[in-house]
């Protein structure tokens, strides 16, 4: 993997088509996912040294599973393993939230599990962005507070209304 310069050299073919998943999720919900993951990171509270990954159901907003590990890849593997053991693959209609940066391997794991959206608190690599684009996965990164950067499939994010406030007609004379 080290020194790999193109997606073609490492790309896997998934049995699941994340591009066809019709999920829509509010930007407000996406912005809340990192804090909701962080609330589940009990070992991180004690050590300050673990990565976390969580899976959210877009329809209900429910946090389905959260896992921690020293390695961010392992934390994601634990989430996908939970889904496999509970016969939940493909993970359509879900968002994978991670506590660190996004490598192409994390995008690949999401695609292979049928997860249509990946959200992270830190930066994505250029290969991660390229693979997300090719696969039709929504990629949000630098999700912090009320801001985020959207890299791919932005059509799945419901942005807050930007229309001006309406005038209260009862106060107009």
Protein backbone atom coordinates (compact mmCIF):
# COMPACT_ATOMS: atom_id res chain seq x y z
CA UNK A 1 0.00 0.00 0.00
CA UNK A 2 2.81 2.42 0.82
CA UNK A 3 3.72 4.45 -2.21
CA UNK A 4 0.51 3.60 -4.04
CA UNK A 5 -0.30 6.50 -6.30
CA UNK A 6 -3.56 5.43 -7.90
CA UNK A 7 -6.90 4.01 -6.88
CA UNK A 8 -6.78 1.48 -9.70
CA UNK A 9 -3.83 -0.23 -8.00
CA UNK A 10 -5.80 -1.01 -4.83
CA UNK A 11 -9.50 -0.66 -5.65
CA UNK A 12 -11.77 -3.56 -4.71
CA UNK A 13 -15.15 -4.30 -6.25
CA UNK A 14 -18.04 -4.34 -3.80
CA UNK A 15 -21.14 -6.49 -4.03
CA UNK A 16 -23.08 -3.45 -2.83
CA UNK A 17 -23.82 -0.33 -4.86
CA UNK A 18 -23.54 2.61 -2.45
CA UNK A 19 -24.13 5.07 -5.29
CA UNK A 20 -27.75 3.91 -5.63
CA UNK A 21 -28.58 4.37 -1.93
CA UNK A 22 -31.14 7.17 -1.77
CA UNK A 23 -30.23 8.44 1.70
CA UNK A 24 -30.74 12.06 2.62
CA UNK A 25 -29.44 13.41 5.90
CA UNK A 26 -29.60 16.87 7.41
CA UNK A 27 -26.39 18.80 7.84
CA UNK A 28 -27.49 19.37 11.45
CA UNK A 29 -27.55 15.61 12.10
CA UNK A 30 -24.15 15.09 10.46
CA UNK A 31 -22.71 17.89 12.62
CA UNK A 32 -24.04 16.13 15.74
CA UNK A 33 -22.59 12.69 14.95
CA UNK A 34 -19.02 13.37 16.23
CA UNK A 35 -20.29 14.42 19.66
CA UNK A 36 -22.64 11.46 19.81
CA UNK A 37 -19.73 9.13 18.99
CA UNK A 38 -17.53 10.85 21.56
CA UNK A 39 -20.16 10.25 24.28
CA UNK A 40 -19.73 6.50 23.67
CA UNK A 41 -15.93 6.53 23.95
CA UNK A 42 -15.54 5.49 27.59
CA UNK A 43 -12.03 4.10 27.19
CA UNK A 44 -10.91 7.28 25.43
CA UNK A 45 -12.10 9.16 28.52
CA UNK A 46 -9.63 7.15 30.61
CA UNK A 47 -6.69 6.98 28.20
CA UNK A 48 -7.02 9.79 25.65
CA UNK A 49 -5.53 7.43 23.10
CA UNK A 50 -8.20 5.51 21.23
CA UNK A 51 -9.98 6.01 17.95
CA UNK A 52 -13.71 5.57 17.64
CA UNK A 53 -16.17 4.59 14.93
CA UNK A 54 -19.95 4.60 15.04
CA UNK A 55 -22.79 3.72 12.72
CA UNK A 56 -25.94 5.84 12.58
CA UNK A 57 -29.31 4.98 11.02
CA UNK A 58 -30.28 7.95 8.83
CA UNK A 59 -34.04 7.36 9.06
CA UNK A 60 -34.29 7.15 12.84
CA UNK A 61 -31.11 8.97 13.88
CA UNK A 62 -30.33 6.01 16.13
CA UNK A 63 -26.72 5.24 16.98
CA UNK A 64 -26.61 1.55 16.05
CA UNK A 65 -23.14 0.69 17.31
CA UNK A 66 -19.97 2.40 18.50
CA UNK A 67 -16.55 0.82 18.93
CA UNK A 68 -13.08 1.94 20.03
CA UNK A 69 -9.58 0.72 19.25
CA UNK A 70 -5.98 1.92 19.19
CA UNK A 71 -6.17 1.73 15.39
CA UNK A 72 -8.80 3.66 13.48
CA UNK A 73 -9.01 0.84 10.93
CA UNK A 74 -9.66 -1.65 13.72
CA UNK A 75 -12.44 0.51 15.16
CA UNK A 76 -14.14 0.50 11.74
CA UNK A 77 -13.56 -3.25 11.41
CA UNK A 78 -15.32 -3.75 14.74
CA UNK A 79 -18.34 -1.76 13.54
CA UNK A 80 -18.55 -3.73 10.29
CA UNK A 81 -17.98 -6.97 12.20
CA UNK A 82 -20.93 -6.13 14.44
CA UNK A 83 -23.07 -5.65 11.33
CA UNK A 84 -21.88 -8.94 9.85
CA UNK A 85 -22.57 -10.86 13.06
CA UNK A 86 -26.04 -9.31 13.24
CA UNK A 87 -26.88 -10.05 9.57
CA UNK A 88 -27.19 -6.34 8.72
CA UNK A 89 -25.08 -6.17 5.57
CA UNK A 90 -25.38 -4.23 3.35
CA UNK A 91 -25.53 -1.19 5.62
CA UNK A 92 -27.84 0.86 3.42
CA UNK A 93 -29.29 4.01 4.96
CA UNK A 94 -26.41 4.51 7.38
CA UNK A 95 -23.57 6.93 8.09
CA UNK A 96 -20.20 5.79 9.39
CA UNK A 97 -18.70 8.39 11.74
CA UNK A 98 -14.99 8.18 12.57
CA UNK A 99 -12.95 10.09 15.11
CA UNK A 100 -9.87 10.69 12.98
CA UNK A 101 -8.71 11.21 9.44
CA UNK A 102 -9.98 9.35 6.38
CA UNK A 103 -7.66 7.15 4.36
CA UNK A 104 -8.71 5.39 1.18
CA UNK A 105 -8.78 2.14 3.20
CA UNK A 106 -11.59 3.50 5.40
CA UNK A 107 -13.54 4.58 2.32
CA UNK A 108 -12.96 1.13 0.84
CA UNK A 109 -14.21 -0.59 4.02
CA UNK A 110 -17.37 1.56 3.97
CA UNK A 111 -18.03 0.78 0.31
CA UNK A 112 -17.43 -2.96 0.81
CA UNK A 113 -19.97 -2.95 3.68
CA UNK A 114 -22.55 -0.99 1.66
CA UNK A 115 -22.31 2.18 3.79
CA UNK A 116 -23.27 5.15 1.59
CA UNK A 117 -21.78 7.95 3.73
CA UNK A 118 -18.58 8.45 5.71
CA UNK A 119 -18.12 11.37 8.09
CA UNK A 120 -14.89 12.29 9.87
CA UNK A 121 -13.62 14.93 12.25
CA UNK A 122 -10.31 15.25 10.43
CA UNK A 123 -8.88 15.37 6.91
CA UNK A 124 -9.36 12.94 4.03
CA UNK A 125 -6.48 11.86 1.82
CA UNK A 126 -6.63 12.63 -1.88
CA UNK A 127 -6.96 8.90 -2.61
CA UNK A 128 -9.90 8.70 -0.17
CA UNK A 129 -11.67 11.51 -2.01
CA UNK A 130 -10.98 9.90 -5.39
CA UNK A 131 -12.29 6.50 -4.28
CA UNK A 132 -15.37 8.04 -2.65
CA UNK A 133 -16.13 9.87 -5.90
CA UNK A 134 -15.69 6.75 -8.01
CA UNK A 135 -17.86 4.65 -5.68
CA UNK A 136 -20.64 7.23 -5.22
CA UNK A 137 -20.04 7.48 -1.47
CA UNK A 138 -20.79 10.74 0.33
CA UNK A 139 -17.67 11.98 2.11
CA UNK A 140 -17.79 14.68 4.78
CA UNK A 141 -14.65 15.65 6.68
CA UNK A 142 -13.52 18.29 9.15
CA UNK A 143 -16.96 17.81 10.74
CA UNK A 144 -16.55 20.04 13.77
CA UNK A 145 -19.10 22.18 15.55
CA UNK A 146 -21.45 23.58 12.94
CA UNK A 147 -19.14 23.25 9.97
CA UNK A 148 -17.96 20.53 7.62
CA UNK A 149 -16.35 20.09 4.25
CA UNK A 150 -18.32 18.03 1.75
CA UNK A 151 -16.23 16.33 -0.91
CA UNK A 152 -18.50 13.93 -2.79
CA UNK A 153 -22.22 13.26 -3.32
CA UNK A 154 -23.25 16.52 -1.68
CA UNK A 155 -26.78 15.93 -3.00
CA UNK A 156 -27.41 13.65 0.00
CA UNK A 157 -26.92 16.46 2.53
CA UNK A 158 -29.92 18.59 3.39
CA UNK A 159 -28.55 22.07 4.06
CA UNK A 160 -30.24 24.50 6.43
CA UNK A 161 -32.61 26.92 4.75
CA UNK A 162 -30.92 30.06 3.52
CA UNK A 163 -34.12 31.95 2.77
CA UNK A 164 -34.58 35.21 4.68
CA UNK A 165 -36.88 35.18 7.68
CA UNK A 166 -40.49 35.97 6.81
CA UNK A 167 -42.18 39.02 8.19
CA UNK A 168 -44.83 38.46 10.83
CA UNK A 169 -47.87 39.68 8.93
CA UNK A 170 -49.83 40.33 12.14
CA UNK A 171 -47.41 43.12 13.04
CA UNK A 172 -47.66 44.84 9.62
CA UNK A 173 -50.22 47.66 9.50
